[in-house]
Amino acid sequence: MAECFELAGQIRTLDMRASPYDLAALGYSPVKVETPPGRVEYAAAQRGFAEQAARLRTRLLDAMDRCDT
């Protein structure tokens, strides 16, 4: 569960970096989704998150199945 929450935090961080808010003072560089390179960066990160989520989902479901027995 903790890893799921950590991933959710990473996803939210990316979303905030891609937003119109300037978070540089907090140490977050922007993802400029209005540019082609920014869109590529954002899409690549989203694909990585989806892969991580799929692995975590499988592990979580397996753990829940073990609780049923």
Protein backbone atom coordinates (compact mmCIF):
# COMPACT_ATOMS: atom_id res chain seq x y z
CA MET A 1 0.00 0.00 0.00
CA ALA A 2 2.81 2.41 0.85
CA GLU A 3 4.30 2.00 -2.60
CA CYS A 4 0.92 2.78 -4.15
CA PHE A 5 0.72 6.02 -2.18
CA GLU A 6 4.30 6.87 -3.15
CA LEU A 7 3.45 6.38 -6.82
CA ALA A 8 0.34 8.54 -6.43
CA GLY A 9 2.57 11.28 -4.99
CA GLN A 10 4.94 11.02 -7.94
CA ILE A 11 2.04 11.29 -10.37
CA ARG A 12 0.65 14.32 -8.57
CA THR A 13 4.09 15.95 -8.59
CA LEU A 14 4.31 15.53 -12.36
CA ASP A 15 0.84 16.98 -12.76
CA MET A 16 1.80 20.02 -10.69
CA ARG A 17 5.03 20.44 -12.68
CA ALA A 18 2.96 20.40 -15.88
CA SER A 19 0.49 22.95 -14.51
CA PRO A 20 0.71 26.71 -15.03
CA TYR A 21 2.00 27.16 -11.47
CA ASP A 22 5.64 28.10 -10.96
CA LEU A 23 7.01 25.63 -8.44
CA ALA A 24 10.70 26.42 -9.06
CA ALA A 25 11.03 27.96 -5.60
CA LEU A 26 10.04 24.57 -4.19
CA GLY A 27 12.63 22.76 -6.28
CA TYR A 28 10.37 21.48 -9.04
CA SER A 29 11.33 22.17 -12.61
CA PRO A 30 8.43 22.71 -15.01
CA VAL A 31 7.29 20.27 -17.65
CA LYS A 32 6.35 22.55 -20.52
CA VAL A 33 3.50 20.57 -22.02
CA GLU A 34 2.78 23.42 -24.42
CA THR A 35 5.95 22.48 -26.32
CA PRO A 36 6.63 19.29 -28.31
CA PRO A 37 9.56 18.25 -26.05
CA GLY A 38 7.44 18.89 -22.96
CA ARG A 39 4.62 16.75 -24.30
CA VAL A 40 7.10 13.96 -25.04
CA GLU A 41 8.52 14.21 -21.50
CA TYR A 42 5.04 14.18 -19.97
CA ALA A 43 3.85 11.24 -22.08
CA ALA A 44 6.97 9.21 -21.30
CA ALA A 45 6.52 9.81 -17.58
CA GLN A 46 2.86 8.81 -17.82
CA ARG A 47 3.78 5.57 -19.58
CA GLY A 48 6.31 4.82 -16.85
CA PHE A 49 3.70 5.47 -14.18
CA ALA A 50 1.25 3.18 -15.95
CA GLU A 51 3.84 0.38 -16.01
CA GLN A 52 4.62 0.86 -12.32
CA ALA A 53 0.92 0.94 -11.48
CA ALA A 54 0.28 -2.31 -13.33
CA ARG A 55 3.02 -4.07 -11.36
CA LEU A 56 1.78 -2.64 -8.07
CA ARG A 57 -1.82 -3.55 -8.90
CA THR A 58 -0.79 -7.16 -9.50
CA ARG A 59 1.16 -7.30 -6.24
CA LEU A 60 -1.69 -5.73 -4.30
CA LEU A 61 -4.27 -8.12 -5.73
CA ASP A 62 -2.01 -11.08 -4.97
CA ALA A 63 -1.63 -9.90 -1.38
CA MET A 64 -5.38 -9.49 -1.05
CA ASP A 65 -5.93 -13.00 -2.42
CA ARG A 66 -3.59 -14.40 0.22
CA CYS A 67 -5.68 -12.69 2.92
CA ASP A 68 -8.79 -14.52 1.74
CA THR A 69 -7.32 -17.95 2.42
